[in-house]
Amino acid sequence: MPGLRSFITLVLWCVLVLPGLAGGAVRAKDMGPLQKLIDAAEKNAVIVLEPGTYSGPAVVTRPLTIDGRGKATIDGGGKGTVIILKTNGATLKNLRLVNSGDQHNDLDAGVQVRGDFNVVKDNVIEECLFGVDLQQSSNNVVRRNHISSKSDAELGVKGDAIRLWYSRNNKIVDNIITHSRDLVVWYSADNIISGNRVSDGRYGLHFMYSRYNLVENNQFWRNLVGIFLMYSDSVVVRKNRVFRAQGPAGVGIGFKEASNMEITDNEILYNSTGLYLDVSPFQPDTTNRIYRNTIAFNDTGAKFLNDWTGNHFTDNVFSNNIRHVSVSTFASAKRNIWKANYWDDYEGFDQDKDGYGDKPYRLMVYADRIWMDVPDAAFFKGTPILSLFDFMERLAPFTSPLLMLEDKEPRMARNFTPITAAPTGGETNEGKSLEVFGANTDASTKAGTSMSKSDPFGLHDPNIGYLKKPK
């Protein structure tokens, strides 16, 4: 009967079609193991995945392209690494990678890269302990990925969003990283880290024993530490924005025995400590060049662990910091070079109208030193009582104040033409094996470049078979 058939059709439409239109009721189809598709593909094949969820882990041992088109999920099932690239020349793109294992010793990750000239781009990597782990891998690209770690893990036991270990000439660009532990670079050289946005982690970017890397145009915010350069040399950090590294250990950019650094054109804002320097520069006859940075709204603009030398502060803006410069011990920072900086608390005139103060800017240490010497007193810094102590000490000092620093050519205005040369564009370490950021070196000795670096673990020794790179 026509009426009965119409009624049955309506019931079936309500049961089968309407839930899908209501949204979320139709689950992605389980497409089976990804490894089967990989094993069946020929060398250099392009695997375009149909929408759905594929099971991992999976290992790629020959050059392939795997494209999820933004609709395919690879689920690691909580075991191991979701995808391992144990090859050269593979591409992973437009995938959602989830549920790696949780073993730090095994570096369980969304992607492990164990080869050269691979591309990992436009992926979402979440609920994976580590995001992308590169080990003894060079000339890879990690671009435009969204990465977060295990949501149920405390910050200290999350994995690193991106980890480079003994890897060179990689590009880490335009990634969005949140709620992971670190972006960390170990024993690695000639890498470009550019255009990334890193938040809500421990170290936004952490260098260990690494040289000749470029860090440019990144944003780091709400991390415990923005950028930390530890036991590393010849890193260029420029045009980054580092802000809101707060709390007792909050540091915008930190140096630990770091030498020949170039820190230029950065914005370092709203941190507990803007710059922190610990025995840096460490290598003899080297300097750290800190030029054209805006260091503002920090509790302390630049803090030294002790009386050290070799840092050149030129063309910087120090503004609205509670304390522009301090030293952890009762010592000064005057053995460093301070030249042509803007200080918002400068009290002087420019009678000859040359843009510089007629008298030097001198930062003295008076009674407000109390909050640096007595940690509990830091709670009261900036309050009227400590300001009163400071005023009384200046009015009738009980002891001779300590000269913290002297800038003989202080700027009168925060907008000025720098005396240090700004980059003219195109100055990266791409394609430069015997040049480091424009500094020519001796081609016979290769001194001053990463090509002269030591090999403390013998990892480049071809006689160590188990450490050979995959073919």
Protein backbone atom coordinates (compact mmCIF):
# COMPACT_ATOMS: atom_id res chain seq x y z
CA MET A 1 0.00 0.00 0.00
CA PRO A 2 1.36 3.44 -0.88
CA GLY A 3 0.55 4.88 2.53
CA LEU A 4 2.35 2.06 4.37
CA ARG A 5 5.40 2.33 2.12
CA SER A 6 5.61 6.06 2.74
CA PHE A 7 5.37 5.51 6.49
CA ILE A 8 8.17 2.89 6.41
CA THR A 9 10.36 5.21 4.29
CA LEU A 10 9.85 8.03 6.80
CA VAL A 11 10.79 5.79 9.74
CA LEU A 12 13.95 4.57 7.99
CA TRP A 13 14.92 8.15 7.11
CA CYS A 14 14.54 9.22 10.75
CA VAL A 15 16.55 6.25 12.04
CA LEU A 16 19.39 6.21 9.49
CA VAL A 17 19.73 9.68 8.01
CA LEU A 18 18.58 12.16 10.63
CA PRO A 19 21.26 11.25 13.26
CA GLY A 20 23.98 12.00 10.72
CA LEU A 21 22.44 15.37 9.93
CA ALA A 22 22.24 16.13 13.65
CA GLY A 23 26.02 15.96 13.72
CA GLY A 24 28.60 13.69 15.28
CA ALA A 25 26.56 10.49 15.38
CA VAL A 26 28.28 8.83 12.40
CA ARG A 27 31.75 7.66 13.40
CA ALA A 28 34.73 7.66 11.08
CA LYS A 29 35.15 4.31 9.44
CA ASP A 30 37.89 2.03 10.75
CA MET A 31 40.09 1.55 7.70
CA GLY A 32 42.44 -1.07 9.20
CA PRO A 33 46.23 -1.03 9.67
CA LEU A 34 48.18 1.66 7.86
CA GLN A 35 51.15 -0.71 7.60
CA LYS A 36 49.34 -2.86 5.02
CA LEU A 37 48.98 0.10 2.67
CA ILE A 38 52.62 1.06 3.17
CA ASP A 39 53.85 -2.48 2.49
CA ALA A 40 51.77 -2.72 -0.68
CA ALA A 41 53.00 0.60 -2.12
CA GLU A 42 55.87 0.84 -4.55
CA LYS A 43 58.87 3.11 -4.06
CA ASN A 44 58.00 6.82 -4.52
CA ALA A 45 54.26 6.03 -4.54
CA VAL A 46 51.67 8.54 -3.31
CA ILE A 47 49.21 7.03 -0.84
CA VAL A 48 46.07 9.16 -0.59
CA LEU A 49 44.08 7.94 2.39
CA GLU A 50 40.30 7.76 2.37
CA PRO A 51 38.56 9.48 5.30
CA GLY A 52 38.60 7.34 8.41
CA THR A 53 40.80 6.00 11.18
CA TYR A 54 43.79 3.78 10.46
CA SER A 55 45.65 1.84 13.10
CA GLY A 56 49.35 2.20 13.83
CA PRO A 57 52.15 1.95 14.64
CA ALA A 58 53.63 1.99 11.15
CA VAL A 59 57.17 2.07 9.75
CA VAL A 60 58.11 3.62 6.40
CA THR A 61 61.34 2.12 4.99
CA ARG A 62 61.32 3.57 1.47
CA PRO A 63 60.42 6.98 0.01
CA LEU A 64 56.64 7.42 -0.05
CA THR A 65 54.11 10.22 0.27
CA ILE A 66 51.22 9.63 2.67
CA ASP A 67 48.49 12.25 2.34
CA GLY A 68 45.48 12.25 4.68
CA ARG A 69 43.85 15.28 3.01
CA GLY A 70 42.88 16.48 6.47
CA LYS A 71 40.38 13.64 6.98
CA ALA A 72 42.48 10.63 7.98
CA THR A 73 43.53 9.73 11.53
CA ILE A 74 46.36 7.37 12.41
CA ASP A 75 45.82 5.93 15.90
CA GLY A 76 48.88 4.43 17.56
CA GLY A 77 46.78 2.53 20.06
CA GLY A 78 48.90 3.68 22.99
CA LYS A 79 51.95 1.67 21.92
CA GLY A 80 55.23 2.95 20.52
CA THR A 81 55.55 5.65 17.87
CA VAL A 82 52.65 6.24 15.51
CA ILE A 83 54.80 6.54 12.34
CA ILE A 84 58.55 6.00 11.99
CA LEU A 85 60.29 7.37 8.90
CA LYS A 86 63.26 5.06 8.57
CA THR A 87 64.11 6.25 5.11
CA ASN A 88 65.14 9.23 3.02
CA GLY A 89 62.77 11.33 0.94
CA ALA A 90 59.39 10.48 2.49
CA THR A 91 56.50 12.90 3.08
CA LEU A 92 53.76 12.84 5.71
CA LYS A 93 51.08 15.48 5.28
CA ASN A 94 47.53 16.39 6.24
CA LEU A 95 47.29 13.62 8.84
CA ARG A 96 45.98 13.48 12.39
CA LEU A 97 48.33 11.38 14.52
CA VAL A 98 47.13 10.33 17.97
CA ASN A 99 47.79 8.00 20.90
CA SER A 100 51.46 7.16 20.91
CA GLY A 101 52.94 5.12 23.74
CA ASP A 102 54.11 6.77 26.96
CA GLN A 103 57.70 5.52 27.26
CA HIS A 104 60.35 8.24 27.49
CA ASN A 105 63.19 5.76 27.03
CA ASP A 106 61.75 4.71 23.68
CA LEU A 107 60.94 8.30 22.64
CA ASP A 108 57.37 7.31 21.82
CA ALA A 109 56.23 10.01 19.41
CA GLY A 110 53.81 11.02 16.73
CA VAL A 111 56.65 10.83 14.20
CA GLN A 112 60.21 9.61 14.52
CA VAL A 113 62.49 10.76 11.73
CA ARG A 114 65.52 8.53 11.17
CA GLY A 115 66.64 9.68 7.74
CA ASP A 116 67.32 12.66 5.49
CA PHE A 117 65.28 14.86 3.12
CA ASN A 118 61.93 13.92 4.66
CA VAL A 119 58.96 16.30 4.99
CA VAL A 120 56.46 16.34 7.87
CA LYS A 121 53.91 19.07 7.23
CA ASP A 122 50.36 20.19 7.90
CA ASN A 123 49.66 17.46 10.44
CA VAL A 124 47.85 17.51 13.78
CA ILE A 125 49.83 15.57 16.39
CA GLU A 126 48.05 15.21 19.71
CA GLU A 127 47.98 12.82 22.65
CA CYS A 128 51.49 11.75 21.61
CA LEU A 129 54.25 11.83 24.22
CA PHE A 130 56.78 13.40 21.85
CA GLY A 131 55.67 15.22 18.74
CA VAL A 132 58.36 14.94 16.05
CA ASP A 133 61.70 13.40 17.03
CA LEU A 134 64.67 13.78 14.69
CA GLN A 135 67.76 11.74 15.48
CA GLN A 136 70.91 11.76 13.35
CA SER A 137 68.75 13.17 10.59
CA SER A 138 69.55 16.06 8.27
CA ASN A 139 67.93 18.21 5.60
CA ASN A 140 64.40 17.49 6.82
CA VAL A 141 61.45 19.90 6.91
CA VAL A 142 58.94 20.06 9.78
CA ARG A 143 56.37 22.66 8.78
CA ARG A 144 52.92 23.94 9.81
CA ASN A 145 52.13 21.15 12.26
CA HIS A 146 49.90 21.54 15.33
CA ILE A 147 51.58 19.65 18.17
CA SER A 148 50.61 18.91 21.78
CA SER A 149 51.68 16.19 24.21
CA LYS A 150 49.74 13.86 26.52
CA SER A 151 46.98 15.90 28.11
CA ASP A 152 46.91 13.82 31.31
CA ALA A 153 50.65 14.18 32.06
CA GLU A 154 52.22 16.80 34.29
CA LEU A 155 54.42 19.31 32.49
CA GLY A 156 57.71 17.81 33.63
CA VAL A 157 56.86 14.35 32.31
CA LYS A 158 55.35 15.40 29.01
CA GLY A 159 57.49 14.78 25.97
CA ASP A 160 59.16 17.35 23.76
CA ALA A 161 57.10 18.80 20.92
CA ILE A 162 60.06 18.73 18.53
CA ARG A 163 63.41 17.20 19.40
CA LEU A 164 66.60 17.37 17.36
CA TRP A 165 69.50 15.13 18.37
CA TYR A 166 72.75 15.26 16.42
CA SER A 167 70.89 16.56 13.37
CA ARG A 168 71.88 19.23 10.84
CA ASN A 169 70.41 21.49 8.17
CA ASN A 170 66.79 20.92 9.20
CA LYS A 171 64.02 23.50 8.89
CA ILE A 172 61.55 23.76 11.78
CA VAL A 173 59.11 26.37 10.52
CA ASP A 174 55.60 27.71 11.15
CA ASN A 175 54.54 25.07 13.69
CA ILE A 176 52.02 25.73 16.47
CA ILE A 177 53.08 24.04 19.69
CA THR A 178 51.17 24.02 22.96
CA HIS A 179 51.12 22.06 26.22
CA SER A 180 54.31 20.14 25.49
CA ARG A 181 57.52 20.07 27.49
CA ASP A 182 60.25 21.62 25.29
CA LEU A 183 61.32 22.34 21.77
CA VAL A 184 64.88 21.09 22.22
CA VAL A 185 68.04 21.04 20.11
CA TRP A 186 70.85 18.69 21.23
CA TYR A 187 74.30 18.46 19.59
CA SER A 188 72.87 19.91 16.38
CA ALA A 189 74.06 22.55 13.93
CA ASP A 190 72.97 24.63 10.95
CA ASN A 191 69.25 24.31 11.68
CA ILE A 192 66.65 27.00 11.00
CA ILE A 193 63.88 27.49 13.58
CA SER A 194 61.53 30.12 12.20
CA GLY A 195 57.95 31.31 12.41
CA ASN A 196 56.89 28.93 15.19
CA ARG A 197 54.38 29.76 17.93
CA VAL A 198 55.14 28.01 21.21
CA SER A 199 53.08 28.38 24.39
CA ASP A 200 52.23 26.78 27.73
CA GLY A 201 55.34 24.62 27.96
CA ARG A 202 58.49 24.39 30.05
CA TYR A 203 61.23 25.64 27.69
CA GLY A 204 59.82 27.29 24.59
CA LEU A 205 63.19 26.55 22.94
CA HIS A 206 66.15 24.88 24.60
CA PHE A 207 69.63 24.52 23.11
CA MET A 208 72.15 22.07 24.54
CA TYR A 209 75.68 21.74 23.12
CA SER A 210 74.58 23.11 19.74
CA ARG A 211 76.19 25.58 17.32
CA TYR A 212 75.45 27.69 14.26
CA ASN A 213 71.67 27.64 14.44
CA LEU A 214 69.27 30.41 13.43
CA VAL A 215 66.18 31.32 15.53
CA GLU A 216 64.04 33.90 13.78
CA ASN A 217 60.51 35.34 13.80
CA ASN A 218 59.14 32.99 16.47
CA GLN A 219 56.72 33.73 19.31
CA PHE A 220 57.15 32.20 22.76
CA TRP A 221 54.64 32.96 25.49
CA ARG A 222 53.37 31.54 28.79
CA ASN A 223 56.31 29.14 28.97
CA LEU A 224 58.35 28.81 32.15
CA VAL A 225 61.36 29.87 30.07
CA GLY A 226 61.18 31.39 26.61
CA ILE A 227 64.58 30.56 25.06
CA PHE A 228 67.51 29.02 26.91
CA LEU A 229 70.98 28.75 25.34
CA MET A 230 73.03 26.25 27.31
CA TYR A 231 76.63 25.22 26.55
CA SER A 232 76.08 26.41 22.98
CA ASP A 233 77.92 28.72 20.62
CA SER A 234 77.25 30.94 17.62
CA VAL A 235 73.46 30.92 17.67
CA VAL A 236 71.63 33.84 16.05
CA VAL A 237 68.39 34.79 17.84
CA ARG A 238 66.63 37.61 16.03
CA LYS A 239 63.20 39.16 15.50
CA ASN A 240 61.48 36.93 18.06
CA ARG A 241 58.79 37.90 20.56
CA VAL A 242 59.29 36.39 24.01
CA PHE A 243 56.76 37.29 26.66
CA ARG A 244 54.99 36.23 29.83
CA ALA A 245 57.64 33.84 31.15
CA GLN A 246 56.60 34.46 34.71
CA GLY A 247 56.93 32.86 38.12
CA PRO A 248 60.05 32.38 40.26
CA ALA A 249 62.04 30.84 37.38
CA GLY A 250 60.52 32.88 34.57
CA VAL A 251 63.19 33.91 32.05
CA GLY A 252 62.70 35.40 28.60
CA ILE A 253 66.10 34.52 27.11
CA GLY A 254 68.71 32.77 29.25
CA PHE A 255 72.42 32.05 28.71
CA LYS A 256 74.44 29.36 30.49
CA GLU A 257 78.08 29.23 29.40
CA ALA A 258 76.97 30.39 25.95
CA SER A 259 79.41 32.18 23.65
CA ASN A 260 79.45 34.19 20.43
CA MET A 261 75.70 34.75 20.53
CA GLU A 262 73.90 37.31 18.40
CA ILE A 263 70.70 38.49 20.10
CA THR A 264 69.13 41.16 17.92
CA ASP A 265 65.80 42.88 17.24
CA ASN A 266 63.79 40.83 19.75
CA GLU A 267 60.88 41.92 21.92
CA ILE A 268 61.36 40.62 25.49
CA LEU A 269 58.29 41.61 27.46
CA TYR A 270 56.40 40.89 30.70
CA ASN A 271 58.80 38.27 32.08
CA SER A 272 60.08 37.79 35.59
CA THR A 273 63.58 38.19 34.16
CA GLY A 274 64.07 39.44 30.63
CA LEU A 275 67.67 38.30 30.02
CA TYR A 276 69.54 35.97 32.36
CA LEU A 277 73.30 35.55 31.97
CA ASP A 278 75.27 32.83 33.74
CA VAL A 279 79.02 32.75 32.98
CA SER A 280 78.40 33.90 29.42
CA PRO A 281 80.29 34.23 27.16
CA PHE A 282 82.25 31.19 28.28
CA GLN A 283 84.77 30.70 25.47
CA PRO A 284 87.85 32.95 25.73
CA ASP A 285 88.05 35.97 23.44
CA THR A 286 84.40 35.81 22.42
CA THR A 287 81.49 38.20 22.92
CA ASN A 288 77.73 38.07 23.07
CA ARG A 289 76.22 40.83 20.97
CA ILE A 290 72.89 42.06 22.32
CA TYR A 291 71.65 44.74 19.92
CA ARG A 292 68.39 46.55 19.13
CA ASN A 293 66.16 44.61 21.52
CA THR A 294 63.15 45.99 23.37
CA ILE A 295 63.37 44.85 27.00
CA ALA A 296 60.29 46.11 28.76
CA PHE A 297 57.73 45.43 31.51
CA ASN A 298 59.91 42.78 33.17
CA ASP A 299 60.59 42.50 36.87
CA THR A 300 64.29 42.61 35.99
CA GLY A 301 65.42 43.57 32.51
CA ALA A 302 68.83 41.85 32.51
CA LYS A 303 70.13 39.76 35.39
CA PHE A 304 73.68 38.50 35.78
CA LEU A 305 74.53 35.56 38.02
CA ASN A 306 77.84 37.19 38.94
CA ASP A 307 80.33 39.84 37.87
CA TRP A 308 81.15 38.78 34.30
CA THR A 309 82.34 40.40 31.10
CA GLY A 310 82.14 40.06 27.34
CA ASN A 311 78.53 41.10 26.67
CA HIS A 312 77.88 44.08 24.42
CA PHE A 313 74.58 45.90 24.98
CA THR A 314 74.00 48.46 22.23
CA ASP A 315 70.91 50.15 20.77
CA ASN A 316 68.53 48.43 23.20
CA VAL A 317 65.40 49.93 24.75
CA PHE A 318 65.05 49.41 28.52
CA SER A 319 61.60 50.57 29.51
CA ASN A 320 59.15 50.03 32.38
CA ASN A 321 61.17 47.32 34.08
CA ILE A 322 61.03 47.33 37.88
CA ARG A 323 64.79 47.01 37.76
CA HIS A 324 66.66 47.41 34.49
CA VAL A 325 69.81 45.48 35.49
CA SER A 326 70.84 43.48 38.53
CA VAL A 327 73.49 41.02 39.67
CA SER A 328 72.65 38.11 41.97
CA THR A 329 75.66 38.81 44.19
CA PHE A 330 76.65 42.23 45.47
CA ALA A 331 78.59 43.07 42.34
CA SER A 332 78.27 45.19 39.24
CA ALA A 333 77.80 44.60 35.52
CA LYS A 334 80.03 47.49 34.48
CA ARG A 335 82.70 45.27 32.89
CA ASN A 336 80.32 44.67 30.00
CA ILE A 337 79.87 47.23 27.23
CA TRP A 338 76.81 49.47 27.54
CA LYS A 339 76.48 51.93 24.68
CA ALA A 340 73.72 53.99 23.08
CA ASN A 341 70.83 52.32 24.88
CA TYR A 342 67.56 54.02 25.80
CA TRP A 343 66.80 54.06 29.53
CA ASP A 344 63.39 55.34 30.52
CA ASP A 345 64.65 56.52 33.94
CA TYR A 346 67.51 58.61 32.55
CA GLU A 347 67.63 62.01 34.23
CA GLY A 348 69.55 64.30 31.93
CA PHE A 349 69.42 66.76 29.05
CA ASP A 350 70.47 66.96 25.42
CA GLN A 351 71.59 70.55 25.02
CA ASP A 352 73.50 69.95 21.78
CA LYS A 353 70.49 68.13 20.24
CA ASP A 354 72.50 65.15 19.00
CA GLY A 355 70.04 62.58 20.36
CA TYR A 356 72.32 61.52 23.22
CA GLY A 357 72.29 62.60 26.84
CA ASP A 358 74.91 65.16 27.83
CA LYS A 359 75.96 63.10 30.83
CA PRO A 360 76.28 59.31 31.18
CA TYR A 361 73.48 57.12 32.42
CA ARG A 362 74.64 55.56 35.66
CA LEU A 363 72.69 52.83 37.42
CA MET A 364 73.56 52.78 41.09
CA VAL A 365 72.70 50.21 43.73
CA TYR A 366 71.18 51.77 46.83
CA ALA A 367 69.00 50.42 49.61
CA ASP A 368 66.54 48.91 47.18
CA ARG A 369 69.17 46.19 46.94
CA ILE A 370 67.32 44.62 49.91
CA TRP A 371 64.87 42.71 47.71
CA MET A 372 67.77 41.14 45.79
CA ASP A 373 69.73 40.12 48.88
CA VAL A 374 66.75 38.94 50.95
CA PRO A 375 64.46 36.75 48.82
CA ASP A 376 61.43 37.22 51.06
CA ALA A 377 61.66 40.98 50.60
CA ALA A 378 61.06 40.59 46.86
CA PHE A 379 57.35 40.54 47.68
CA PHE A 380 57.61 44.24 48.54
CA LYS A 381 59.63 45.44 45.55
CA GLY A 382 58.11 48.47 43.93
CA THR A 383 56.20 49.37 47.10
CA PRO A 384 56.37 52.78 48.83
CA ILE A 385 58.42 51.47 51.76
CA LEU A 386 61.32 50.26 49.59
CA SER A 387 61.04 53.39 47.48
CA LEU A 388 61.35 55.41 50.70
CA PHE A 389 64.47 53.45 51.70
CA ASP A 390 65.92 54.13 48.28
CA PHE A 391 65.14 57.85 48.50
CA MET A 392 66.72 58.12 51.96
CA GLU A 393 69.81 56.28 50.79
CA ARG A 394 70.19 58.65 47.84
CA LEU A 395 69.57 61.69 50.03
CA ALA A 396 72.04 60.74 52.76
CA PRO A 397 73.80 57.49 51.87
CA PHE A 398 75.00 55.45 54.81
CA THR A 399 77.58 53.73 52.59
CA SER A 400 78.96 54.43 49.15
CA PRO A 401 76.54 53.14 46.51
CA LEU A 402 77.70 50.57 43.99
CA LEU A 403 77.94 51.57 40.34
CA MET A 404 76.03 48.86 38.47
CA LEU A 405 76.76 50.13 34.96
CA GLU A 406 77.54 53.23 32.96
CA ASP A 407 76.24 54.09 29.48
CA LYS A 408 78.20 57.12 28.28
CA GLU A 409 75.91 57.76 25.32
CA PRO A 410 72.35 57.19 26.53
CA ARG A 411 69.56 57.74 24.05
CA MET A 412 67.11 60.53 24.72
CA ALA A 413 64.19 58.97 22.83
CA ARG A 414 63.14 55.37 22.40
CA ASN A 415 62.85 55.79 18.63
CA PHE A 416 66.27 56.26 17.10
CA THR A 417 68.54 55.25 14.24
CA PRO A 418 70.72 52.38 15.50
CA ILE A 419 74.49 52.53 15.24
CA THR A 420 74.63 48.78 14.86
CA ALA A 421 73.91 47.46 11.38
CA ALA A 422 70.49 45.84 11.07
CA PRO A 423 70.11 42.74 8.85
CA THR A 424 69.49 43.58 5.22
CA GLY A 425 67.46 40.44 4.48
CA GLY A 426 68.31 37.03 3.15
CA GLU A 427 70.92 36.43 5.84
CA THR A 428 70.29 32.85 6.90
CA ASN A 429 72.51 29.83 7.17
CA GLU A 430 70.87 28.13 4.21
CA GLY A 431 73.44 26.79 1.79
CA LYS A 432 76.37 28.19 3.76
CA SER A 433 78.87 25.51 4.64
CA LEU A 434 81.95 27.73 4.83
CA GLU A 435 80.14 30.91 5.84
CA VAL A 436 78.41 31.53 9.10
CA PHE A 437 75.97 34.42 8.87
CA GLY A 438 78.22 36.32 6.50
CA ALA A 439 81.56 35.71 8.26
CA ASN A 440 83.99 34.19 5.74
CA THR A 441 86.29 31.48 7.06
CA ASP A 442 89.39 29.68 5.92
CA ALA A 443 88.36 26.99 3.43
CA SER A 444 91.37 24.86 4.27
CA THR A 445 90.74 24.62 8.01
CA LYS A 446 86.96 25.23 8.02
CA ALA A 447 87.47 26.90 11.38
CA GLY A 448 84.50 28.78 12.71
CA THR A 449 81.90 26.60 11.04
CA SER A 450 79.99 23.52 12.09
CA MET A 451 82.15 21.49 9.71
CA SER A 452 84.95 21.78 12.24
CA LYS A 453 82.88 20.52 15.15
CA SER A 454 83.99 17.63 17.29
CA ASP A 455 82.37 14.20 17.30
CA PRO A 456 82.43 13.27 21.01
CA PHE A 457 80.35 10.10 20.65
CA GLY A 458 81.76 8.79 17.39
CA LEU A 459 78.39 9.05 15.75
CA HIS A 460 79.85 9.89 12.37
CA ASP A 461 82.28 6.97 12.44
CA PRO A 462 81.39 4.66 9.51
CA ASN A 463 82.90 1.73 11.41
CA ILE A 464 80.07 1.84 13.95
CA GLY A 465 77.62 -0.22 11.95
CA TYR A 466 74.54 0.07 14.12
CA LEU A 467 74.67 3.85 13.89
CA LYS A 468 74.80 4.01 10.09
CA LYS A 469 72.05 6.03 8.43
CA PRO A 470 69.31 4.20 6.53
CA LYS A 471 69.69 3.99 2.76
